Amino acid sequence: MQIVNNRYLETLFRLMLLSAIVHVTLLIIYSMKIKDLSPLNYISILEIDLFFPSIVQNASGAWAGWILLIVLYVAIFHLIPPAKTPKSRKNLKIARK
């Protein structure tokens, strides 16, 4: 799957994706080790709490992180058009006749 046509940008996007996957995997392992979900808070992952430290210090901040994650997921899901599935060769042969 290619995101952009520029090879250098494509490599950069894939590097960023790989880094994000490794980062979140390590956070999941760490959360399981300490038996606490707070490292998985989306606001903490984005480091927004560096600018607004009071956001993640209470329970509403934890919920805000999960709600923000869900809202962004739904928004991105609806902004990306569905992938076009190629027609099978059998259907193409029938259409030509």
N, C-alpha and C. Protein backbone atom coordinates (compact mmCIF):
# COMPACT_ATOMS: atom_id res chain seq x y z
N MET A 1 0.84 -1.18 0.00
CA MET A 1 0.00 0.00 0.00
C MET A 1 0.89 1.24 0.00
N GLN A 2 0.64 2.12 -0.92
CA GLN A 2 1.43 3.34 -1.04
C GLN A 2 0.58 4.53 -0.62
N ILE A 3 1.15 5.39 0.20
CA ILE A 3 0.42 6.55 0.70
C ILE A 3 0.63 7.75 -0.22
N VAL A 4 1.89 7.99 -0.60
CA VAL A 4 2.21 9.10 -1.49
C VAL A 4 3.06 8.58 -2.65
N ASN A 5 3.17 9.38 -3.70
CA ASN A 5 3.94 8.97 -4.87
C ASN A 5 5.44 9.26 -4.74
N ASN A 6 5.82 10.10 -3.81
CA ASN A 6 7.22 10.45 -3.60
C ASN A 6 7.88 9.36 -2.75
N ARG A 7 8.94 8.77 -3.28
CA ARG A 7 9.61 7.66 -2.59
C ARG A 7 10.18 8.08 -1.24
N TYR A 8 10.71 9.28 -1.16
CA TYR A 8 11.33 9.75 0.08
C TYR A 8 10.27 10.00 1.16
N LEU A 9 9.16 10.61 0.76
CA LEU A 9 8.07 10.83 1.73
C LEU A 9 7.45 9.50 2.15
N GLU A 10 7.32 8.59 1.21
CA GLU A 10 6.77 7.27 1.52
C GLU A 10 7.65 6.56 2.56
N THR A 11 8.96 6.64 2.38
CA THR A 11 9.90 6.04 3.33
C THR A 11 9.77 6.71 4.69
N LEU A 12 9.63 8.03 4.71
CA LEU A 12 9.47 8.75 5.97
C LEU A 12 8.18 8.34 6.67
N PHE A 13 7.07 8.23 5.93
CA PHE A 13 5.80 7.81 6.52
C PHE A 13 5.90 6.40 7.10
N ARG A 14 6.55 5.51 6.37
CA ARG A 14 6.69 4.14 6.86
C ARG A 14 7.58 4.09 8.10
N LEU A 15 8.62 4.90 8.13
CA LEU A 15 9.49 4.98 9.31
C LEU A 15 8.69 5.48 10.52
N MET A 16 7.88 6.51 10.29
CA MET A 16 7.05 7.06 11.38
C MET A 16 6.05 6.01 11.87
N LEU A 17 5.45 5.28 10.95
CA LEU A 17 4.49 4.24 11.33
C LEU A 17 5.17 3.14 12.12
N LEU A 18 6.33 2.69 11.67
CA LEU A 18 7.06 1.66 12.40
C LEU A 18 7.45 2.15 13.79
N SER A 19 7.92 3.38 13.90
CA SER A 19 8.29 3.95 15.19
C SER A 19 7.09 4.04 16.13
N ALA A 20 5.95 4.42 15.58
CA ALA A 20 4.74 4.51 16.40
C ALA A 20 4.30 3.13 16.89
N ILE A 21 4.40 2.13 16.02
CA ILE A 21 4.02 0.77 16.42
C ILE A 21 4.93 0.27 17.54
N VAL A 22 6.23 0.49 17.40
CA VAL A 22 7.18 0.07 18.44
C VAL A 22 6.90 0.83 19.73
N HIS A 23 6.66 2.12 19.63
CA HIS A 23 6.40 2.96 20.81
C HIS A 23 5.16 2.48 21.57
N VAL A 24 4.07 2.26 20.86
CA VAL A 24 2.83 1.84 21.51
C VAL A 24 2.98 0.42 22.06
N THR A 25 3.70 -0.45 21.37
CA THR A 25 3.94 -1.80 21.88
C THR A 25 4.70 -1.75 23.20
N LEU A 26 5.71 -0.91 23.27
CA LEU A 26 6.46 -0.75 24.52
C LEU A 26 5.58 -0.17 25.63
N LEU A 27 4.70 0.77 25.27
CA LEU A 27 3.79 1.32 26.28
C LEU A 27 2.82 0.26 26.80
N ILE A 28 2.35 -0.60 25.92
CA ILE A 28 1.44 -1.67 26.34
C ILE A 28 2.16 -2.62 27.28
N ILE A 29 3.38 -3.01 26.93
CA ILE A 29 4.16 -3.90 27.79
C ILE A 29 4.41 -3.25 29.14
N TYR A 30 4.79 -1.98 29.13
CA TYR A 30 5.03 -1.26 30.38
C TYR A 30 3.75 -1.15 31.22
N SER A 31 2.62 -0.89 30.59
CA SER A 31 1.35 -0.79 31.31
C SER A 31 0.98 -2.12 31.95
N MET A 32 1.25 -3.21 31.24
CA MET A 32 0.97 -4.53 31.82
C MET A 32 1.91 -4.81 32.99
N LYS A 33 3.16 -4.36 32.89
CA LYS A 33 4.13 -4.58 33.96
C LYS A 33 3.74 -3.84 35.24
N ILE A 34 3.32 -2.58 35.09
CA ILE A 34 2.97 -1.80 36.28
C ILE A 34 1.49 -1.92 36.65
N LYS A 35 0.72 -2.62 35.82
CA LYS A 35 -0.72 -2.83 36.04
C LYS A 35 -1.47 -1.51 36.18
N ASP A 36 -1.21 -0.63 35.21
CA ASP A 36 -1.85 0.68 35.19
C ASP A 36 -2.00 1.11 33.74
N LEU A 37 -3.17 1.63 33.38
CA LEU A 37 -3.42 2.05 32.00
C LEU A 37 -3.03 3.50 31.72
N SER A 38 -2.58 4.23 32.72
CA SER A 38 -2.28 5.64 32.52
C SER A 38 -1.20 5.90 31.45
N PRO A 39 -0.18 5.05 31.26
CA PRO A 39 0.75 5.33 30.17
C PRO A 39 0.12 5.25 28.78
N LEU A 40 -1.04 4.61 28.66
CA LEU A 40 -1.72 4.48 27.38
C LEU A 40 -2.68 5.63 27.10
N ASN A 41 -2.72 6.61 27.98
CA ASN A 41 -3.58 7.77 27.78
C ASN A 41 -3.09 8.53 26.54
N TYR A 42 -3.99 8.76 25.61
CA TYR A 42 -3.63 9.38 24.33
C TYR A 42 -3.03 10.77 24.53
N ILE A 43 -3.50 11.50 25.50
CA ILE A 43 -2.97 12.84 25.77
C ILE A 43 -1.52 12.74 26.23
N SER A 44 -1.22 11.72 27.03
CA SER A 44 0.17 11.51 27.47
C SER A 44 1.05 11.06 26.31
N ILE A 45 0.52 10.20 25.45
CA ILE A 45 1.30 9.71 24.31
C ILE A 45 1.68 10.87 23.40
N LEU A 46 0.76 11.80 23.19
CA LEU A 46 1.05 12.97 22.36
C LEU A 46 1.89 14.02 23.08
N GLU A 47 2.10 13.83 24.38
CA GLU A 47 2.88 14.75 25.21
C GLU A 47 2.21 16.11 25.36
N ILE A 48 0.90 16.17 25.20
CA ILE A 48 0.17 17.42 25.41
C ILE A 48 0.25 17.84 26.88
N ASP A 49 0.42 16.85 27.76
CA ASP A 49 0.50 17.15 29.18
C ASP A 49 1.76 17.97 29.54
N LEU A 50 2.71 18.08 28.64
CA LEU A 50 3.87 18.95 28.89
C LEU A 50 3.45 20.42 28.91
N PHE A 51 2.45 20.75 28.11
CA PHE A 51 1.95 22.12 28.06
C PHE A 51 0.81 22.35 29.05
N PHE A 52 0.00 21.32 29.28
CA PHE A 52 -1.13 21.41 30.20
C PHE A 52 -1.06 20.25 31.18
N PRO A 53 -0.20 20.33 32.20
CA PRO A 53 0.02 19.20 33.10
C PRO A 53 -1.21 18.78 33.89
N SER A 54 -2.14 19.67 34.12
CA SER A 54 -3.31 19.33 34.92
C SER A 54 -4.31 18.46 34.16
N ILE A 55 -4.12 18.30 32.84
CA ILE A 55 -5.08 17.52 32.05
C ILE A 55 -5.12 16.06 32.48
N VAL A 56 -3.98 15.45 32.70
CA VAL A 56 -3.95 14.01 32.98
C VAL A 56 -3.85 13.69 34.46
N GLN A 57 -3.92 14.67 35.33
CA GLN A 57 -3.76 14.42 36.75
C GLN A 57 -5.04 13.94 37.43
N ASN A 58 -6.17 14.02 36.76
CA ASN A 58 -7.41 13.55 37.38
C ASN A 58 -8.10 12.54 36.47
N ALA A 59 -9.18 11.95 36.96
CA ALA A 59 -9.88 10.91 36.21
C ALA A 59 -10.50 11.45 34.92
N SER A 60 -10.98 12.69 34.95
CA SER A 60 -11.58 13.24 33.73
C SER A 60 -10.54 13.40 32.62
N GLY A 61 -9.29 13.63 32.98
CA GLY A 61 -8.23 13.70 31.98
C GLY A 61 -7.98 12.37 31.31
N ALA A 62 -8.08 11.30 32.08
CA ALA A 62 -7.93 9.96 31.51
C ALA A 62 -9.05 9.68 30.52
N TRP A 63 -10.26 10.03 30.91
CA TRP A 63 -11.40 9.83 30.00
C TRP A 63 -11.28 10.72 28.78
N ALA A 64 -10.79 11.93 28.97
CA ALA A 64 -10.63 12.85 27.84
C ALA A 64 -9.67 12.28 26.80
N GLY A 65 -8.62 11.62 27.26
CA GLY A 65 -7.67 11.01 26.32
C GLY A 65 -8.32 9.92 25.49
N TRP A 66 -9.11 9.06 26.14
CA TRP A 66 -9.79 7.98 25.41
C TRP A 66 -10.85 8.52 24.46
N ILE A 67 -11.58 9.54 24.91
CA ILE A 67 -12.61 10.14 24.06
C ILE A 67 -11.97 10.82 22.85
N LEU A 68 -10.86 11.53 23.06
CA LEU A 68 -10.14 12.17 21.96
C LEU A 68 -9.67 11.13 20.95
N LEU A 69 -9.16 10.02 21.44
CA LEU A 69 -8.69 8.94 20.56
C LEU A 69 -9.83 8.39 19.71
N ILE A 70 -10.97 8.14 20.32
CA ILE A 70 -12.13 7.60 19.60
C ILE A 70 -12.66 8.61 18.59
N VAL A 71 -12.76 9.88 18.97
CA VAL A 71 -13.26 10.91 18.06
C VAL A 71 -12.34 11.04 16.85
N LEU A 72 -11.03 11.04 17.07
CA LEU A 72 -10.09 11.14 15.95
C LEU A 72 -10.17 9.92 15.06
N TYR A 73 -10.31 8.74 15.64
CA TYR A 73 -10.43 7.52 14.83
C TYR A 73 -11.66 7.58 13.93
N VAL A 74 -12.80 7.96 14.49
CA VAL A 74 -14.04 8.04 13.71
C VAL A 74 -13.92 9.11 12.63
N ALA A 75 -13.32 10.25 12.96
CA ALA A 75 -13.17 11.32 11.97
C ALA A 75 -12.27 10.88 10.82
N ILE A 76 -11.16 10.25 11.13
CA ILE A 76 -10.25 9.78 10.08
C ILE A 76 -10.93 8.69 9.25
N PHE A 77 -11.66 7.81 9.90
CA PHE A 77 -12.35 6.73 9.19
C PHE A 77 -13.32 7.29 8.16
N HIS A 78 -14.02 8.36 8.53
CA HIS A 78 -15.00 8.94 7.61
C HIS A 78 -14.37 9.86 6.56
N LEU A 79 -13.17 10.36 6.81
CA LEU A 79 -12.50 11.22 5.84
C LEU A 79 -11.81 10.42 4.73
N ILE A 80 -11.39 9.21 5.04
CA ILE A 80 -10.69 8.39 4.04
C ILE A 80 -11.72 7.64 3.22
N PRO A 81 -11.69 7.80 1.91
CA PRO A 81 -12.66 7.07 1.07
C PRO A 81 -12.36 5.57 1.11
N PRO A 82 -13.38 4.74 0.96
CA PRO A 82 -13.14 3.30 0.97
C PRO A 82 -12.28 2.89 -0.23
N ALA A 83 -11.49 1.86 -0.01
CA ALA A 83 -10.62 1.38 -1.09
C ALA A 83 -11.46 0.77 -2.20
N LYS A 84 -11.08 1.04 -3.43
CA LYS A 84 -11.80 0.47 -4.56
C LYS A 84 -11.30 -0.95 -4.77
N THR A 85 -12.21 -1.87 -4.79
CA THR A 85 -11.82 -3.25 -5.02
C THR A 85 -11.78 -3.50 -6.51
N PRO A 86 -10.70 -4.08 -7.00
CA PRO A 86 -10.62 -4.34 -8.44
C PRO A 86 -11.59 -5.43 -8.85
N LYS A 87 -12.13 -5.28 -10.04
CA LYS A 87 -13.04 -6.30 -10.54
C LYS A 87 -12.23 -7.53 -10.91
N SER A 88 -12.81 -8.67 -10.71
CA SER A 88 -12.08 -9.89 -11.05
C SER A 88 -12.01 -10.02 -12.57
N ARG A 89 -11.07 -10.80 -13.05
CA ARG A 89 -10.90 -10.99 -14.49
C ARG A 89 -12.11 -11.68 -15.09
N LYS A 90 -12.75 -12.54 -14.32
CA LYS A 90 -13.93 -13.24 -14.81
C LYS A 90 -15.04 -12.25 -15.13
N ASN A 91 -15.24 -11.29 -14.24
CA ASN A 91 -16.27 -10.27 -14.46
C ASN A 91 -15.93 -9.40 -15.66
N LEU A 92 -14.64 -9.13 -15.88
CA LEU A 92 -14.24 -8.31 -17.02
C LEU A 92 -14.51 -9.03 -18.33
N LYS A 93 -14.27 -10.35 -18.37
CA LYS A 93 -14.52 -11.11 -19.59
C LYS A 93 -16.02 -11.13 -19.91
N ILE A 94 -16.84 -11.26 -18.89
CA ILE A 94 -18.29 -11.26 -19.11
C ILE A 94 -18.74 -9.90 -19.61
N ALA A 95 -18.17 -8.84 -19.06
CA ALA A 95 -18.57 -7.49 -19.44
C ALA A 95 -18.20 -7.19 -20.89
N ARG A 96 -17.11 -7.79 -21.39
CA ARG A 96 -16.66 -7.53 -22.75
C ARG A 96 -17.55 -8.20 -23.79
N LYS A 97 -18.17 -9.28 -23.43
CA LYS A 97 -19.01 -10.02 -24.40
C LYS A 97 -20.28 -9.36 -24.69
